[in-house]
Amino acid sequence: MRHHPLLGRDVFAEVEGLARRVDALFDASHDGGTQTFKPAFDVRETEAGWRLVADLPGVDPASLDIHQEGDQLVVKGEAAALGSDLGQVIRRERRDGAFERRIRFARSLDAEGITARLVDGVLTVDVPRRAPTRIPVTVDVGA
């Protein structure tokens, strides 16, 4: 933990939390009212590329659309609407509806090799790196 010597608390964590809340406000106000939630993704680098993992309970695998746009991986889907036949809602914390996440990659990804699986509400996407292209260059050394 990084405590500030005068304040006695982790101001960096507080600033990071504030940044997440501000991002969430902007996301909510700029989605045109169509996006109900924004699922969180864990992204890990592997030897072959990257692995993304997200909890997506209630999402039908047929509703998922995973594709590449430039240097971004786009994940779209829809969580099933929560039933209203279960009584009056007193508190609602679970999310439903359409979502879209865009994850930017600093390096080229290989769209042809992307694999995804949704098991027990957990989405795992493996994104391989594109092999670097080498362009032979001849250097003329003048004598």
Protein backbone atom coordinates (compact mmCIF):
# COMPACT_ATOMS: atom_id res chain seq x y z
CA MET A 1 0.00 0.00 0.00
CA ARG A 2 1.27 3.50 -0.83
CA HIS A 3 0.35 5.68 2.12
CA HIS A 4 0.83 9.40 1.88
CA PRO A 5 3.13 10.42 4.78
CA LEU A 6 0.91 13.35 5.83
CA LEU A 7 -2.56 12.06 4.99
CA GLY A 8 -2.02 8.53 6.33
CA ARG A 9 -3.96 6.84 3.54
CA ASP A 10 -3.48 5.44 0.07
CA VAL A 11 -4.22 8.52 -2.04
CA PHE A 12 -3.20 6.72 -5.23
CA ALA A 13 -5.92 4.11 -4.74
CA GLU A 14 -8.42 6.89 -4.07
CA VAL A 15 -7.44 8.69 -7.29
CA GLU A 16 -7.67 5.43 -9.26
CA GLY A 17 -11.13 4.79 -7.79
CA LEU A 18 -12.23 8.30 -8.70
CA ALA A 19 -10.94 7.82 -12.26
CA ARG A 20 -12.97 4.59 -12.59
CA ARG A 21 -16.11 6.37 -11.37
CA VAL A 22 -15.60 9.28 -13.80
CA ASP A 23 -15.03 6.79 -16.66
CA ALA A 24 -18.25 5.01 -15.73
CA LEU A 25 -20.15 8.30 -15.80
CA PHE A 26 -18.85 9.15 -19.25
CA ASP A 27 -19.54 5.63 -20.51
CA ALA A 28 -23.12 5.83 -19.24
CA SER A 29 -23.76 9.25 -20.75
CA HIS A 30 -22.23 8.57 -24.19
CA ASP A 31 -23.68 5.19 -25.11
CA GLY A 32 -26.90 6.62 -26.52
CA GLY A 33 -28.88 4.84 -23.83
CA THR A 34 -28.45 1.44 -25.48
CA GLN A 35 -25.76 -0.09 -23.29
CA THR A 36 -27.07 -1.36 -19.99
CA PHE A 37 -23.79 -2.55 -18.53
CA LYS A 38 -20.09 -2.81 -19.24
CA PRO A 39 -18.65 -6.16 -18.17
CA ALA A 40 -15.18 -6.13 -16.65
CA PHE A 41 -12.43 -8.08 -18.43
CA ASP A 42 -9.19 -9.47 -17.02
CA VAL A 43 -6.47 -9.38 -19.69
CA ARG A 44 -3.34 -11.48 -19.27
CA GLU A 45 -0.37 -11.74 -21.60
CA THR A 46 0.61 -15.29 -22.53
CA GLU A 47 3.48 -16.71 -24.54
CA ALA A 48 1.26 -16.89 -27.64
CA GLY A 49 -0.65 -13.63 -27.17
CA TRP A 50 -3.35 -12.62 -24.68
CA ARG A 51 -6.15 -14.25 -22.69
CA LEU A 52 -9.25 -12.27 -21.79
CA VAL A 53 -11.69 -13.46 -19.14
CA ALA A 54 -15.05 -11.92 -18.21
CA ASP A 55 -18.01 -13.00 -16.11
CA LEU A 56 -21.08 -12.92 -18.36
CA PRO A 57 -23.90 -14.66 -16.49
CA GLY A 58 -27.13 -14.89 -18.46
CA VAL A 59 -25.45 -14.25 -21.82
CA ASP A 60 -26.51 -16.56 -24.63
CA PRO A 61 -23.44 -17.70 -26.61
CA ALA A 62 -25.42 -17.10 -29.83
CA SER A 63 -25.67 -13.39 -28.95
CA LEU A 64 -21.89 -12.93 -28.74
CA ASP A 65 -20.07 -11.14 -31.55
CA ILE A 66 -16.28 -11.09 -31.19
CA HIS A 67 -14.21 -9.47 -33.93
CA GLN A 68 -11.21 -7.28 -34.67
CA GLU A 69 -11.38 -3.63 -35.69
CA GLY A 70 -7.90 -2.23 -36.29
CA ASP A 71 -5.89 -2.60 -33.09
CA GLN A 72 -9.00 -3.39 -31.01
CA LEU A 73 -10.85 -6.55 -30.11
CA VAL A 74 -14.59 -5.88 -29.97
CA VAL A 75 -16.84 -8.03 -27.79
CA LYS A 76 -20.60 -7.48 -28.13
CA GLY A 77 -23.45 -9.42 -26.65
CA GLU A 78 -26.67 -9.33 -24.72
CA ALA A 79 -27.61 -10.64 -21.30
CA ALA A 80 -31.13 -12.03 -21.01
CA ALA A 81 -33.70 -9.68 -19.53
CA LEU A 82 -34.47 -10.35 -15.91
CA GLY A 83 -37.96 -11.66 -15.37
CA SER A 84 -40.60 -9.32 -13.96
CA ASP A 85 -42.81 -12.25 -12.98
CA LEU A 86 -40.81 -12.90 -9.81
CA GLY A 87 -42.40 -10.10 -7.80
CA GLN A 88 -41.72 -6.45 -7.13
CA VAL A 89 -38.07 -5.44 -7.31
CA ILE A 90 -36.87 -3.93 -4.04
CA ARG A 91 -33.20 -3.68 -5.01
CA ARG A 92 -31.59 -4.39 -8.37
CA GLU A 93 -27.86 -4.91 -8.74
CA ARG A 94 -27.67 -7.46 -11.54
CA ARG A 95 -27.44 -6.12 -15.08
CA ASP A 96 -29.07 -7.18 -18.31
CA GLY A 97 -29.33 -5.93 -21.88
CA ALA A 98 -26.82 -5.19 -24.61
CA PHE A 99 -23.13 -4.52 -24.01
CA GLU A 100 -20.04 -3.73 -26.03
CA ARG A 101 -16.42 -3.70 -24.92
CA ARG A 102 -13.42 -2.61 -26.96
CA ILE A 103 -9.99 -3.72 -25.82
CA ARG A 104 -7.03 -2.02 -27.48
CA PHE A 105 -3.81 -3.93 -28.09
CA ALA A 106 -0.42 -2.26 -28.47
CA ARG A 107 0.77 -5.04 -30.77
CA SER A 108 -0.85 -6.63 -33.80
CA LEU A 109 -3.29 -9.40 -33.07
CA ASP A 110 -4.08 -12.35 -35.32
CA ALA A 111 -7.83 -12.15 -35.93
CA GLU A 112 -7.89 -15.51 -37.75
CA GLY A 113 -6.59 -17.34 -34.68
CA ILE A 114 -8.97 -15.89 -32.06
CA THR A 115 -10.87 -18.53 -30.09
CA ALA A 116 -13.61 -17.99 -27.53
CA ARG A 117 -15.65 -20.16 -25.20
CA LEU A 118 -18.46 -19.38 -22.78
CA VAL A 119 -18.72 -21.95 -19.99
CA ASP A 120 -20.89 -21.50 -16.89
CA GLY A 121 -21.19 -17.77 -17.56
CA VAL A 122 -17.43 -17.19 -17.89
CA LEU A 123 -16.15 -15.98 -21.27
CA THR A 124 -12.55 -16.86 -22.14
CA VAL A 125 -11.05 -15.38 -25.31
CA ASP A 126 -7.57 -16.34 -26.54
CA VAL A 127 -6.04 -13.78 -28.88
CA PRO A 128 -2.81 -14.80 -30.62
CA ARG A 129 -0.15 -12.29 -31.64
CA ARG A 130 0.44 -11.76 -35.33
CA ALA A 131 3.90 -12.88 -36.37
CA PRO A 132 6.06 -9.86 -37.17
CA THR A 133 6.65 -9.32 -40.86
CA ARG A 134 10.22 -8.87 -41.96
CA ILE A 135 11.09 -6.80 -44.96
CA PRO A 136 14.55 -7.47 -46.36
CA VAL A 137 16.54 -4.30 -46.84
CA THR A 138 19.74 -4.11 -48.83
CA VAL A 139 22.20 -1.56 -47.58
CA ASP A 140 24.55 -0.19 -50.19
CA VAL A 141 27.86 0.57 -48.58
CA GLY A 142 29.71 3.05 -50.74
CA ALA A 143 33.45 2.60 -51.08
